């Protein structure tokens, strides 16, 4: 997890640290990864309102891809101060090999915990 101005890491990983501490949602944007199960189908997206966007995916009104593949679990998120930074990171992650993406999630959220309930 990339957290501006923070280098703290817990054994649970960056994602759970960020959300368990109830860090306020940033104004810039987020890159996030949705899945249906551990090591399952992945969807990488970008949004300015993480809670609303994940809720939309969970209720089937987000992307067609998430609805068709049943992707309802938020397993990774990176906050950015500027939406343009989040968009650039999303494009970069989409170009990564699948194994790199899985490693990114494993390091940040080893249990593939659904982070939606930890969003403010």
PDB file of N, CA and C in Angstrom:
ATOM      1  N   UNK A   1       0.849  -1.175   0.000  1.00  0.00           N
ATOM      2  CA  UNK A   1       0.000   0.000   0.000  1.00  0.00           C
ATOM      3  C   UNK A   1       0.885   1.225   0.000  1.00  0.00           C
ATOM      4  N   UNK A   2       0.632   2.130  -0.828  1.00  0.00           N
ATOM      5  CA  UNK A   2       1.356   3.393  -0.851  1.00  0.00           C
ATOM      6  C   UNK A   2       0.553   4.395  -0.054  1.00  0.00           C
ATOM      7  N   UNK A   3       1.117   4.857   1.033  1.00  0.00           N
ATOM      8  CA  UNK A   3       0.439   5.849   1.847  1.00  0.00           C
ATOM      9  C   UNK A   3       1.335   7.062   1.917  1.00  0.00           C
ATOM     10  N   UNK A   4       0.875   8.150   1.376  1.00  0.00           N
ATOM     11  CA  UNK A   4       1.675   9.370   1.356  1.00  0.00           C
ATOM     12  C   UNK A   4       2.102   9.755   2.760  1.00  0.00           C
ATOM     13  N   UNK A   5       3.393   9.964   2.937  1.00  0.00           N
ATOM     14  CA  UNK A   5       3.915  10.419   4.212  1.00  0.00           C
ATOM     15  C   UNK A   5       3.970   9.346   5.286  1.00  0.00           C
ATOM     16  N   UNK A   6       3.756   8.096   4.928  1.00  0.00           N
ATOM     17  CA  UNK A   6       3.779   7.034   5.924  1.00  0.00           C
ATOM     18  C   UNK A   6       4.646   5.888   5.458  1.00  0.00           C
ATOM     19  N   UNK A   7       5.498   5.412   6.339  1.00  0.00           N
ATOM     20  CA  UNK A   7       6.305   4.241   6.008  1.00  0.00           C
ATOM     21  C   UNK A   7       6.024   3.125   7.005  1.00  0.00           C
ATOM     22  N   UNK A   8       4.983   3.270   7.822  1.00  0.00           N
ATOM     23  CA  UNK A   8       4.649   2.273   8.838  1.00  0.00           C
ATOM     24  C   UNK A   8       4.033   1.047   8.184  1.00  0.00           C
ATOM     25  N   UNK A   9       4.441  -0.098   8.639  1.00  0.00           N
ATOM     26  CA  UNK A   9       3.914  -1.340   8.109  1.00  0.00           C
ATOM     27  C   UNK A   9       3.633  -2.286   9.270  1.00  0.00           C
ATOM     28  N   UNK A  10       2.567  -3.049   9.177  1.00  0.00           N
ATOM     29  CA  UNK A  10       2.246  -4.012  10.214  1.00  0.00           C
ATOM     30  C   UNK A  10       2.364  -5.406   9.620  1.00  0.00           C
ATOM     31  N   UNK A  11       2.280  -6.399  10.454  1.00  0.00           N
ATOM     32  CA  UNK A  11       2.324  -7.777   9.972  1.00  0.00           C
ATOM     33  C   UNK A  11       1.099  -8.092   9.125  1.00  0.00           C
ATOM     34  N   UNK A  12       0.047  -7.339   9.292  1.00  0.00           N
ATOM     35  CA  UNK A  12      -1.160  -7.552   8.508  1.00  0.00           C
ATOM     36  C   UNK A  12      -1.066  -6.902   7.127  1.00  0.00           C
ATOM     37  N   UNK A  13      -0.098  -6.056   6.908  1.00  0.00           N
ATOM     38  CA  UNK A  13       0.043  -5.397   5.629  1.00  0.00           C
ATOM     39  C   UNK A  13      -0.510  -3.990   5.635  1.00  0.00           C
ATOM     40  N   UNK A  14      -0.226  -3.287   4.574  1.00  0.00           N
ATOM     41  CA  UNK A  14      -0.603  -1.873   4.453  1.00  0.00           C
ATOM     42  C   UNK A  14      -2.100  -1.652   4.434  1.00  0.00           C
ATOM     43  N   UNK A  15      -2.810  -2.455   3.668  1.00  0.00           N
ATOM     44  CA  UNK A  15      -4.253  -2.221   3.519  1.00  0.00           C
ATOM     45  C   UNK A  15      -4.977  -2.270   4.847  1.00  0.00           C
ATOM     46  N   UNK A  16      -4.738  -3.313   5.609  1.00  0.00           N
ATOM     47  CA  UNK A  16      -5.443  -3.421   6.877  1.00  0.00           C
ATOM     48  C   UNK A  16      -4.998  -2.348   7.852  1.00  0.00           C
ATOM     49  N   UNK A  17      -3.721  -1.972   7.810  1.00  0.00           N
ATOM     50  CA  UNK A  17      -3.244  -0.882   8.657  1.00  0.00           C
ATOM     51  C   UNK A  17      -4.004   0.394   8.334  1.00  0.00           C
ATOM     52  N   UNK A  18      -4.123   0.701   7.067  1.00  0.00           N
ATOM     53  CA  UNK A  18      -4.795   1.921   6.642  1.00  0.00           C
ATOM     54  C   UNK A  18      -6.251   1.933   7.086  1.00  0.00           C
ATOM     55  N   UNK A  19      -6.961   0.854   6.850  1.00  0.00           N
ATOM     56  CA  UNK A  19      -8.382   0.851   7.129  1.00  0.00           C
ATOM     57  C   UNK A  19      -8.717   0.597   8.587  1.00  0.00           C
ATOM     58  N   UNK A  20      -7.925  -0.192   9.293  1.00  0.00           N
ATOM     59  CA  UNK A  20      -8.198  -0.423  10.715  1.00  0.00           C
ATOM     60  C   UNK A  20      -7.969   0.826  11.531  1.00  0.00           C
ATOM     61  N   UNK A  21      -7.081   1.710  11.057  1.00  0.00           N
ATOM     62  CA  UNK A  21      -6.825   2.952  11.768  1.00  0.00           C
ATOM     63  C   UNK A  21      -7.891   3.977  11.438  1.00  0.00           C
ATOM     64  N   UNK A  22      -8.821   3.639  10.582  1.00  0.00           N
ATOM     65  CA  UNK A  22      -9.901   4.543  10.187  1.00  0.00           C
ATOM     66  C   UNK A  22      -9.340   5.862   9.657  1.00  0.00           C
ATOM     67  N   UNK A  23      -8.381   5.732   8.746  1.00  0.00           N
ATOM     68  CA  UNK A  23      -7.798   6.905   8.110  1.00  0.00           C
ATOM     69  C   UNK A  23      -8.869   7.548   7.235  1.00  0.00           C
ATOM     70  N   UNK A  24      -9.068   8.845   7.334  1.00  0.00           N
ATOM     71  CA  UNK A  24     -10.099   9.499   6.525  1.00  0.00           C
ATOM     72  C   UNK A  24      -9.841   9.303   5.038  1.00  0.00           C
ATOM     73  N   UNK A  25     -10.897   9.201   4.283  1.00  0.00           N
ATOM     74  CA  UNK A  25     -10.763   9.052   2.845  1.00  0.00           C
ATOM     75  C   UNK A  25     -10.098  10.300   2.267  1.00  0.00           C
ATOM     76  N   UNK A  26      -9.189  10.082   1.328  1.00  0.00           N
ATOM     77  CA  UNK A  26      -8.464  11.207   0.734  1.00  0.00           C
ATOM     78  C   UNK A  26      -9.335  11.919  -0.297  1.00  0.00           C
ATOM     79  N   UNK A  27      -8.961  13.144  -0.612  1.00  0.00           N
ATOM     80  CA  UNK A  27      -9.725  13.927  -1.587  1.00  0.00           C
ATOM     81  C   UNK A  27      -9.292  13.648  -3.021  1.00  0.00           C
ATOM     82  N   UNK A  28      -8.083  13.135  -3.210  1.00  0.00           N
ATOM     83  CA  UNK A  28      -7.565  12.906  -4.553  1.00  0.00           C
ATOM     84  C   UNK A  28      -8.211  11.732  -5.241  1.00  0.00           C
ATOM     85  N   UNK A  29      -7.709  10.557  -4.975  1.00  0.00           N
ATOM     86  CA  UNK A  29      -8.258   9.382  -5.623  1.00  0.00           C
ATOM     87  C   UNK A  29      -7.648   8.109  -5.084  1.00  0.00           C
ATOM     88  N   UNK A  30      -8.170   7.006  -5.557  1.00  0.00           N
ATOM     89  CA  UNK A  30      -7.721   5.684  -5.144  1.00  0.00           C
ATOM     90  C   UNK A  30      -7.556   4.790  -6.350  1.00  0.00           C
ATOM     91  N   UNK A  31      -6.569   3.917  -6.270  1.00  0.00           N
ATOM     92  CA  UNK A  31      -6.492   2.757  -7.140  1.00  0.00           C
ATOM     93  C   UNK A  31      -6.914   1.605  -6.249  1.00  0.00           C
ATOM     94  N   UNK A  32      -7.732   0.710  -6.758  1.00  0.00           N
ATOM     95  CA  UNK A  32      -8.235  -0.381  -5.932  1.00  0.00           C
ATOM     96  C   UNK A  32      -8.317  -1.663  -6.745  1.00  0.00           C
ATOM     97  N   UNK A  33      -8.331  -2.775  -6.020  1.00  0.00           N
ATOM     98  CA  UNK A  33      -8.456  -4.077  -6.670  1.00  0.00           C
ATOM     99  C   UNK A  33      -9.619  -4.823  -6.023  1.00  0.00           C
ATOM    100  N   UNK A  34     -10.507  -5.322  -6.872  1.00  0.00           N
ATOM    101  CA  UNK A  34     -11.643  -6.134  -6.463  1.00  0.00           C
ATOM    102  C   UNK A  34     -11.392  -7.568  -6.911  1.00  0.00           C
ATOM    103  N   UNK A  35     -11.972  -8.520  -6.182  1.00  0.00           N
ATOM    104  CA  UNK A  35     -11.886  -9.929  -6.553  1.00  0.00           C
ATOM    105  C   UNK A  35     -13.127 -10.656  -6.075  1.00  0.00           C
ATOM    106  N   UNK A  36     -13.228 -11.933  -6.450  1.00  0.00           N
ATOM    107  CA  UNK A  36     -14.341 -12.763  -6.001  1.00  0.00           C
ATOM    108  C   UNK A  36     -13.901 -13.781  -4.956  1.00  0.00           C
ATOM    109  N   UNK A  37     -12.591 -14.052  -4.903  1.00  0.00           N
ATOM    110  CA  UNK A  37     -12.053 -15.020  -3.948  1.00  0.00           C
ATOM    111  C   UNK A  37     -10.535 -14.882  -3.915  1.00  0.00           C
ATOM    112  N   UNK A  38      -9.897 -15.519  -2.950  1.00  0.00           N
ATOM    113  CA  UNK A  38      -8.444 -15.507  -2.874  1.00  0.00           C
ATOM    114  C   UNK A  38      -7.869 -16.057  -4.169  1.00  0.00           C
ATOM    115  N   UNK A  39      -6.940 -15.325  -4.755  1.00  0.00           N
ATOM    116  CA  UNK A  39      -6.278 -15.698  -6.008  1.00  0.00           C
ATOM    117  C   UNK A  39      -7.263 -15.776  -7.182  1.00  0.00           C
ATOM    118  N   UNK A  40      -8.411 -15.128  -7.047  1.00  0.00           N
ATOM    119  CA  UNK A  40      -9.449 -15.204  -8.077  1.00  0.00           C
ATOM    120  C   UNK A  40      -9.275 -14.155  -9.170  1.00  0.00           C
ATOM    121  N   UNK A  41     -10.352 -13.918  -9.884  1.00  0.00           N
ATOM    122  CA  UNK A  41     -10.378 -12.918 -10.941  1.00  0.00           C
ATOM    123  C   UNK A  41     -10.139 -11.544 -10.315  1.00  0.00           C
ATOM    124  N   UNK A  42      -9.337 -10.713 -10.989  1.00  0.00           N
ATOM    125  CA  UNK A  42      -8.998  -9.392 -10.470  1.00  0.00           C
ATOM    126  C   UNK A  42      -9.563  -8.288 -11.351  1.00  0.00           C
ATOM    127  N   UNK A  43      -9.975  -7.209 -10.710  1.00  0.00           N
ATOM    128  CA  UNK A  43     -10.400  -5.992 -11.402  1.00  0.00           C
ATOM    129  C   UNK A  43      -9.659  -4.832 -10.771  1.00  0.00           C
ATOM    130  N   UNK A  44      -8.967  -4.049 -11.581  1.00  0.00           N
ATOM    131  CA  UNK A  44      -8.254  -2.867 -11.096  1.00  0.00           C
ATOM    132  C   UNK A  44      -9.005  -1.643 -11.564  1.00  0.00           C
ATOM    133  N   UNK A  45      -9.313  -0.750 -10.635  1.00  0.00           N
ATOM    134  CA  UNK A  45     -10.046   0.456 -10.974  1.00  0.00           C
ATOM    135  C   UNK A  45      -9.472   1.673 -10.282  1.00  0.00           C
ATOM    136  N   UNK A  46     -10.001   2.829 -10.654  1.00  0.00           N
ATOM    137  CA  UNK A  46      -9.609   4.101 -10.045  1.00  0.00           C
ATOM    138  C   UNK A  46     -10.878   4.890  -9.753  1.00  0.00           C
ATOM    139  N   UNK A  47     -10.886   5.602  -8.640  1.00  0.00           N
ATOM    140  CA  UNK A  47     -12.067   6.366  -8.259  1.00  0.00           C
ATOM    141  C   UNK A  47     -11.682   7.501  -7.323  1.00  0.00           C
ATOM    142  N   UNK A  48     -12.529   8.502  -7.261  1.00  0.00           N
ATOM    143  CA  UNK A  48     -12.354   9.590  -6.305  1.00  0.00           C
ATOM    144  C   UNK A  48     -13.120   9.293  -5.017  1.00  0.00           C
ATOM    145  N   UNK A  49     -14.096   8.388  -5.074  1.00  0.00           N
ATOM    146  CA  UNK A  49     -14.908   8.046  -3.905  1.00  0.00           C
ATOM    147  C   UNK A  49     -14.904   6.528  -3.743  1.00  0.00           C
ATOM    148  N   UNK A  50     -13.966   6.033  -2.963  1.00  0.00           N
ATOM    149  CA  UNK A  50     -13.775   4.590  -2.825  1.00  0.00           C
ATOM    150  C   UNK A  50     -15.003   3.889  -2.258  1.00  0.00           C
ATOM    151  N   UNK A  51     -15.573   4.420  -1.204  1.00  0.00           N
ATOM    152  CA  UNK A  51     -16.728   3.769  -0.576  1.00  0.00           C
ATOM    153  C   UNK A  51     -17.901   3.640  -1.545  1.00  0.00           C
ATOM    154  N   UNK A  52     -18.200   4.706  -2.258  1.00  0.00           N
ATOM    155  CA  UNK A  52     -19.324   4.679  -3.195  1.00  0.00           C
ATOM    156  C   UNK A  52     -19.066   3.731  -4.358  1.00  0.00           C
ATOM    157  N   UNK A  53     -17.837   3.733  -4.855  1.00  0.00           N
ATOM    158  CA  UNK A  53     -17.509   2.887  -6.001  1.00  0.00           C
ATOM    159  C   UNK A  53     -17.547   1.406  -5.625  1.00  0.00           C
ATOM    160  N   UNK A  54     -16.988   1.061  -4.481  1.00  0.00           N
ATOM    161  CA  UNK A  54     -17.016  -0.340  -4.048  1.00  0.00           C
ATOM    162  C   UNK A  54     -18.450  -0.769  -3.770  1.00  0.00           C
ATOM    163  N   UNK A  55     -19.235   0.097  -3.162  1.00  0.00           N
ATOM    164  CA  UNK A  55     -20.649  -0.212  -2.931  1.00  0.00           C
ATOM    165  C   UNK A  55     -21.352  -0.493  -4.262  1.00  0.00           C
ATOM    166  N   UNK A  56     -21.042   0.312  -5.271  1.00  0.00           N
ATOM    167  CA  UNK A  56     -21.646   0.104  -6.594  1.00  0.00           C
ATOM    168  C   UNK A  56     -21.260  -1.269  -7.159  1.00  0.00           C
ATOM    169  N   UNK A  57     -20.004  -1.648  -7.017  1.00  0.00           N
ATOM    170  CA  UNK A  57     -19.577  -2.970  -7.484  1.00  0.00           C
ATOM    171  C   UNK A  57     -20.309  -4.069  -6.718  1.00  0.00           C
ATOM    172  N   UNK A  58     -20.441  -3.907  -5.424  1.00  0.00           N
ATOM    173  CA  UNK A  58     -21.067  -4.932  -4.589  1.00  0.00           C
ATOM    174  C   UNK A  58     -22.559  -5.098  -4.885  1.00  0.00           C
ATOM    175  N   UNK A  59     -23.200  -4.038  -5.332  1.00  0.00           N
ATOM    176  CA  UNK A  59     -24.631  -4.108  -5.624  1.00  0.00           C
ATOM    177  C   UNK A  59     -24.923  -4.364  -7.098  1.00  0.00           C
ATOM    178  N   UNK A  60     -23.867  -4.534  -7.905  1.00  0.00           N
ATOM    179  CA  UNK A  60     -24.052  -4.859  -9.317  1.00  0.00           C
ATOM    180  C   UNK A  60     -24.252  -3.669 -10.224  1.00  0.00           C
ATOM    181  N   UNK A  61     -24.077  -2.448  -9.690  1.00  0.00           N
ATOM    182  CA  UNK A  61     -24.254  -1.251 -10.515  1.00  0.00           C
ATOM    183  C   UNK A  61     -22.926  -0.597 -10.874  1.00  0.00           C
ATOM    184  N   UNK A  62     -21.810  -1.268 -10.528  1.00  0.00           N
ATOM    185  CA  UNK A  62     -20.480  -0.753 -10.881  1.00  0.00           C
ATOM    186  C   UNK A  62     -20.170  -1.138 -12.314  1.00  0.00           C
ATOM    187  N   UNK A  63     -19.038  -1.745 -12.537  1.00  0.00           N
ATOM    188  CA  UNK A  63     -18.661  -2.147 -13.891  1.00  0.00           C
ATOM    189  C   UNK A  63     -19.364  -3.442 -14.301  1.00  0.00           C
ATOM    190  N   UNK A  64     -19.563  -3.597 -15.606  1.00  0.00           N
ATOM    191  CA  UNK A  64     -20.130  -4.837 -16.131  1.00  0.00           C
ATOM    192  C   UNK A  64     -19.230  -6.022 -15.799  1.00  0.00           C
ATOM    193  N   UNK A  65     -17.911  -5.806 -15.890  1.00  0.00           N
ATOM    194  CA  UNK A  65     -16.947  -6.873 -15.628  1.00  0.00           C
ATOM    195  C   UNK A  65     -17.115  -7.408 -14.205  1.00  0.00           C
ATOM    196  N   UNK A  66     -17.194  -6.520 -13.230  1.00  0.00           N
ATOM    197  CA  UNK A  66     -17.363  -6.949 -11.840  1.00  0.00           C
ATOM    198  C   UNK A  66     -18.682  -7.679 -11.638  1.00  0.00           C
ATOM    199  N   UNK A  67     -19.731  -7.192 -12.260  1.00  0.00           N
ATOM    200  CA  UNK A  67     -21.038  -7.834 -12.126  1.00  0.00           C
ATOM    201  C   UNK A  67     -21.012  -9.232 -12.757  1.00  0.00           C
ATOM    202  N   UNK A  68     -20.444  -9.345 -13.959  1.00  0.00           N
ATOM    203  CA  UNK A  68     -20.417 -10.627 -14.669  1.00  0.00           C
ATOM    204  C   UNK A  68     -19.561 -11.673 -13.960  1.00  0.00           C
ATOM    205  N   UNK A  69     -18.523 -11.242 -13.269  1.00  0.00           N
ATOM    206  CA  UNK A  69     -17.603 -12.180 -12.611  1.00  0.00           C
ATOM    207  C   UNK A  69     -17.825 -12.260 -11.097  1.00  0.00           C
ATOM    208  N   UNK A  70     -18.802 -11.547 -10.572  1.00  0.00           N
ATOM    209  CA  UNK A  70     -19.114 -11.605  -9.149  1.00  0.00           C
ATOM    210  C   UNK A  70     -18.018 -11.049  -8.259  1.00  0.00           C
ATOM    211  N   UNK A  71     -17.381  -9.974  -8.702  1.00  0.00           N
ATOM    212  CA  UNK A  71     -16.276  -9.381  -7.947  1.00  0.00           C
ATOM    213  C   UNK A  71     -16.838  -8.395  -6.934  1.00  0.00           C
ATOM    214  N   UNK A  72     -16.869  -8.811  -5.683  1.00  0.00           N
ATOM    215  CA  UNK A  72     -17.480  -7.991  -4.629  1.00  0.00           C
ATOM    216  C   UNK A  72     -16.534  -7.703  -3.469  1.00  0.00           C
ATOM    217  N   UNK A  73     -15.343  -8.269  -3.485  1.00  0.00           N
ATOM    218  CA  UNK A  73     -14.401  -8.104  -2.372  1.00  0.00           C
ATOM    219  C   UNK A  73     -13.318  -7.085  -2.710  1.00  0.00           C
ATOM    220  N   UNK A  74     -13.245  -6.042  -1.904  1.00  0.00           N
ATOM    221  CA  UNK A  74     -12.158  -5.064  -2.014  1.00  0.00           C
ATOM    222  C   UNK A  74     -10.966  -5.642  -1.253  1.00  0.00           C
ATOM    223  N   UNK A  75      -9.872  -5.929  -1.969  1.00  0.00           N
ATOM    224  CA  UNK A  75      -8.719  -6.542  -1.308  1.00  0.00           C
ATOM    225  C   UNK A  75      -7.480  -5.652  -1.310  1.00  0.00           C
ATOM    226  N   UNK A  76      -7.548  -4.522  -2.017  1.00  0.00           N
ATOM    227  CA  UNK A  76      -6.373  -3.658  -2.088  1.00  0.00           C
ATOM    228  C   UNK A  76      -6.808  -2.249  -2.463  1.00  0.00           C
ATOM    229  N   UNK A  77      -6.140  -1.259  -1.878  1.00  0.00           N
ATOM    230  CA  UNK A  77      -6.411   0.138  -2.227  1.00  0.00           C
ATOM    231  C   UNK A  77      -5.181   0.979  -1.940  1.00  0.00           C
ATOM    232  N   UNK A  78      -4.922   1.913  -2.819  1.00  0.00           N
ATOM    233  CA  UNK A  78      -3.839   2.882  -2.643  1.00  0.00           C
ATOM    234  C   UNK A  78      -4.414   4.291  -2.741  1.00  0.00           C
ATOM    235  N   UNK A  79      -4.253   5.115  -1.727  1.00  0.00           N
ATOM    236  CA  UNK A  79      -4.738   6.495  -1.803  1.00  0.00           C
ATOM    237  C   UNK A  79      -3.709   7.409  -2.472  1.00  0.00           C
ATOM    238  N   UNK A  80      -4.183   8.399  -3.181  1.00  0.00           N
ATOM    239  CA  UNK A  80      -3.326   9.389  -3.837  1.00  0.00           C
ATOM    240  C   UNK A  80      -3.881  10.782  -3.591  1.00  0.00           C
ATOM    241  N   UNK A  81      -2.982  11.744  -3.471  1.00  0.00           N
ATOM    242  CA  UNK A  81      -3.390  13.127  -3.257  1.00  0.00           C
ATOM    243  C   UNK A  81      -4.038  13.732  -4.500  1.00  0.00           C
ATOM    244  N   UNK A  82      -3.605  13.283  -5.663  1.00  0.00           N
ATOM    245  CA  UNK A  82      -4.128  13.799  -6.937  1.00  0.00           C
ATOM    246  C   UNK A  82      -4.722  12.649  -7.751  1.00  0.00           C
ATOM    247  N   UNK A  83      -5.887  12.853  -8.324  1.00  0.00           N
ATOM    248  CA  UNK A  83      -6.538  11.816  -9.111  1.00  0.00           C
ATOM    249  C   UNK A  83      -5.674  11.419 -10.307  1.00  0.00           C
ATOM    250  N   UNK A  84      -4.907  12.363 -10.839  1.00  0.00           N
ATOM    251  CA  UNK A  84      -4.044  12.060 -11.984  1.00  0.00           C
ATOM    252  C   UNK A  84      -2.981  11.015 -11.620  1.00  0.00           C
ATOM    253  N   UNK A  85      -2.496  11.084 -10.377  1.00  0.00           N
ATOM    254  CA  UNK A  85      -1.524  10.089  -9.905  1.00  0.00           C
ATOM    255  C   UNK A  85      -2.179   8.714  -9.816  1.00  0.00           C
ATOM    256  N   UNK A  86      -3.400   8.681  -9.341  1.00  0.00           N
ATOM    257  CA  UNK A  86      -4.127   7.422  -9.229  1.00  0.00           C
ATOM    258  C   UNK A  86      -4.380   6.819 -10.611  1.00  0.00           C
ATOM    259  N   UNK A  87      -4.730   7.642 -11.569  1.00  0.00           N
ATOM    260  CA  UNK A  87      -4.978   7.170 -12.933  1.00  0.00           C
ATOM    261  C   UNK A  87      -3.704   6.594 -13.537  1.00  0.00           C
ATOM    262  N   UNK A  88      -2.587   7.271 -13.331  1.00  0.00           N
ATOM    263  CA  UNK A  88      -1.302   6.781 -13.847  1.00  0.00           C
ATOM    264  C   UNK A  88      -0.944   5.438 -13.213  1.00  0.00           C
ATOM    265  N   UNK A  89      -1.167   5.316 -11.912  1.00  0.00           N
ATOM    266  CA  UNK A  89      -0.866   4.062 -11.216  1.00  0.00           C
ATOM    267  C   UNK A  89      -1.780   2.944 -11.693  1.00  0.00           C
ATOM    268  N   UNK A  90      -3.048   3.243 -11.921  1.00  0.00           N
ATOM    269  CA  UNK A  90      -3.983   2.235 -12.432  1.00  0.00           C
ATOM    270  C   UNK A  90      -3.492   1.697 -13.772  1.00  0.00           C
ATOM    271  N   UNK A  91      -3.095   2.579 -14.654  1.00  0.00           N
ATOM    272  CA  UNK A  91      -2.604   2.152 -15.971  1.00  0.00           C
ATOM    273  C   UNK A  91      -1.364   1.281 -15.825  1.00  0.00           C
ATOM    274  N   UNK A  92      -0.496   1.663 -14.915  1.00  0.00           N
ATOM    275  CA  UNK A  92       0.718   0.891 -14.660  1.00  0.00           C
ATOM    276  C   UNK A  92       0.378  -0.507 -14.150  1.00  0.00           C
ATOM    277  N   UNK A  93      -0.499  -0.592 -13.150  1.00  0.00           N
ATOM    278  CA  UNK A  93      -0.870  -1.890 -12.585  1.00  0.00           C
ATOM    279  C   UNK A  93      -1.548  -2.795 -13.606  1.00  0.00           C
ATOM    280  N   UNK A  94      -2.354  -2.219 -14.465  1.00  0.00           N
ATOM    281  CA  UNK A  94      -3.041  -3.023 -15.480  1.00  0.00           C
ATOM    282  C   UNK A  94      -2.061  -3.659 -16.447  1.00  0.00           C
ATOM    283  N   UNK A  95      -0.880  -3.054 -16.605  1.00  0.00           N
ATOM    284  CA  UNK A  95       0.135  -3.599 -17.500  1.00  0.00           C
ATOM    285  C   UNK A  95       0.996  -4.674 -16.827  1.00  0.00           C
ATOM    286  N   UNK A  96       0.885  -4.808 -15.516  1.00  0.00           N
ATOM    287  CA  UNK A  96       1.672  -5.794 -14.774  1.00  0.00           C
ATOM    288  C   UNK A  96       1.241  -7.215 -15.106  1.00  0.00           C
ATOM    289  N   UNK A  97       2.170  -8.154 -14.911  1.00  0.00           N
ATOM    290  CA  UNK A  97       1.850  -9.571 -15.000  1.00  0.00           C
ATOM    291  C   UNK A  97       0.936  -9.923 -13.822  1.00  0.00           C
ATOM    292  N   UNK A  98       0.103 -10.932 -14.020  1.00  0.00           N
ATOM    293  CA  UNK A  98      -0.811 -11.364 -12.964  1.00  0.00           C
ATOM    294  C   UNK A  98      -0.065 -11.727 -11.679  1.00  0.00           C
ATOM    295  N   UNK A  99       1.046 -12.423 -11.814  1.00  0.00           N
ATOM    296  CA  UNK A  99       1.804 -12.843 -10.622  1.00  0.00           C
ATOM    297  C   UNK A  99       2.283 -11.642  -9.808  1.00  0.00           C
ATOM    298  N   UNK A 100       2.623 -10.556 -10.468  1.00  0.00           N
ATOM    299  CA  UNK A 100       3.051  -9.340  -9.764  1.00  0.00           C
ATOM    300  C   UNK A 100       1.880  -8.752  -8.983  1.00  0.00           C
ATOM    301  N   UNK A 101       0.703  -8.755  -9.598  1.00  0.00           N
ATOM    302  CA  UNK A 101      -0.492  -8.231  -8.935  1.00  0.00           C
ATOM    303  C   UNK A 101      -0.837  -9.072  -7.704  1.00  0.00           C
ATOM    304  N   UNK A 102      -0.747 -10.398  -7.845  1.00  0.00           N
ATOM    305  CA  UNK A 102      -1.028 -11.276  -6.715  1.00  0.00           C
ATOM    306  C   UNK A 102      -0.040 -11.032  -5.582  1.00  0.00           C
ATOM    307  N   UNK A 103       1.233 -10.842  -5.917  1.00  0.00           N
ATOM    308  CA  UNK A 103       2.247 -10.544  -4.898  1.00  0.00           C
ATOM    309  C   UNK A 103       1.951  -9.223  -4.194  1.00  0.00           C
ATOM    310  N   UNK A 104       1.520  -8.219  -4.947  1.00  0.00           N
ATOM    311  CA  UNK A 104       1.176  -6.920  -4.376  1.00  0.00           C
ATOM    312  C   UNK A 104       0.058  -7.077  -3.338  1.00  0.00           C
ATOM    313  N   UNK A 105      -0.971  -7.830  -3.693  1.00  0.00           N
ATOM    314  CA  UNK A 105      -2.083  -8.055  -2.772  1.00  0.00           C
ATOM    315  C   UNK A 105      -1.616  -8.864  -1.563  1.00  0.00           C
ATOM    316  N   UNK A 106      -0.862  -9.927  -1.800  1.00  0.00           N
ATOM    317  CA  UNK A 106      -0.376 -10.789  -0.712  1.00  0.00           C
ATOM    318  C   UNK A 106       0.449 -10.015   0.310  1.00  0.00           C
ATOM    319  N   UNK A 107       1.286  -9.102  -0.162  1.00  0.00           N
ATOM    320  CA  UNK A 107       2.119  -8.319   0.754  1.00  0.00           C
ATOM    321  C   UNK A 107       1.289  -7.321   1.557  1.00  0.00           C
ATOM    322  N   UNK A 108       0.300  -6.741   0.938  1.00  0.00           N
ATOM    323  CA  UNK A 108      -0.511  -5.716   1.602  1.00  0.00           C
ATOM    324  C   UNK A 108      -1.656  -6.300   2.421  1.00  0.00           C
ATOM    325  N   UNK A 109      -2.197  -7.417   1.971  1.00  0.00           N
ATOM    326  CA  UNK A 109      -3.390  -8.001   2.596  1.00  0.00           C
ATOM    327  C   UNK A 109      -3.275  -9.523   2.511  1.00  0.00           C
ATOM    328  N   UNK A 110      -2.383 -10.110   3.321  1.00  0.00           N
ATOM    329  CA  UNK A 110      -2.087 -11.541   3.214  1.00  0.00           C
ATOM    330  C   UNK A 110      -3.306 -12.460   3.324  1.00  0.00           C
ATOM    331  N   UNK A 111      -4.304 -12.072   4.067  1.00  0.00           N
ATOM    332  CA  UNK A 111      -5.497 -12.898   4.222  1.00  0.00           C
ATOM    333  C   UNK A 111      -6.562 -12.631   3.181  1.00  0.00           C
ATOM    334  N   UNK A 112      -6.298 -11.743   2.255  1.00  0.00           N
ATOM    335  CA  UNK A 112      -7.268 -11.329   1.239  1.00  0.00           C
ATOM    336  C   UNK A 112      -8.584 -10.915   1.900  1.00  0.00           C
ATOM    337  N   UNK A 113      -8.474 -10.233   3.020  1.00  0.00           N
ATOM    338  CA  UNK A 113      -9.628  -9.741   3.772  1.00  0.00           C
ATOM    339  C   UNK A 113     -10.393  -8.699   2.960  1.00  0.00           C
ATOM    340  N   UNK A 114     -11.709  -8.753   3.014  1.00  0.00           N
ATOM    341  CA  UNK A 114     -12.527  -7.736   2.365  1.00  0.00           C
ATOM    342  C   UNK A 114     -12.413  -6.452   3.178  1.00  0.00           C
ATOM    343  N   UNK A 115     -11.896  -5.414   2.562  1.00  0.00           N
ATOM    344  CA  UNK A 115     -11.622  -4.158   3.270  1.00  0.00           C
ATOM    345  C   UNK A 115     -12.808  -3.199   3.274  1.00  0.00           C
ATOM    346  N   UNK A 116     -13.892  -3.557   2.623  1.00  0.00           N
ATOM    347  CA  UNK A 116     -15.027  -2.654   2.504  1.00  0.00           C
ATOM    348  C   UNK A 116     -15.562  -2.198   3.866  1.00  0.00           C
ATOM    349  N   UNK A 117     -15.644  -3.119   4.812  1.00  0.00           N
ATOM    350  CA  UNK A 117     -16.192  -2.772   6.130  1.00  0.00           C
ATOM    351  C   UNK A 117     -15.285  -1.846   6.931  1.00  0.00           C
ATOM    352  N   UNK A 118     -14.056  -1.642   6.473  1.00  0.00           N
ATOM    353  CA  UNK A 118     -13.114  -0.786   7.185  1.00  0.00           C
ATOM    354  C   UNK A 118     -13.053   0.628   6.614  1.00  0.00           C
ATOM    355  N   UNK A 119     -13.804   0.872   5.550  1.00  0.00           N
ATOM    356  CA  UNK A 119     -13.850   2.201   4.955  1.00  0.00           C
ATOM    357  C   UNK A 119     -14.731   3.096   5.815  1.00  0.00           C
ATOM    358  N   UNK A 120     -14.305   4.338   6.047  1.00  0.00           N
ATOM    359  CA  UNK A 120     -15.134   5.269   6.839  1.00  0.00           C
ATOM    360  C   UNK A 120     -16.401   5.609   6.102  1.00  0.00           C
TER     361      UNK A 120
END
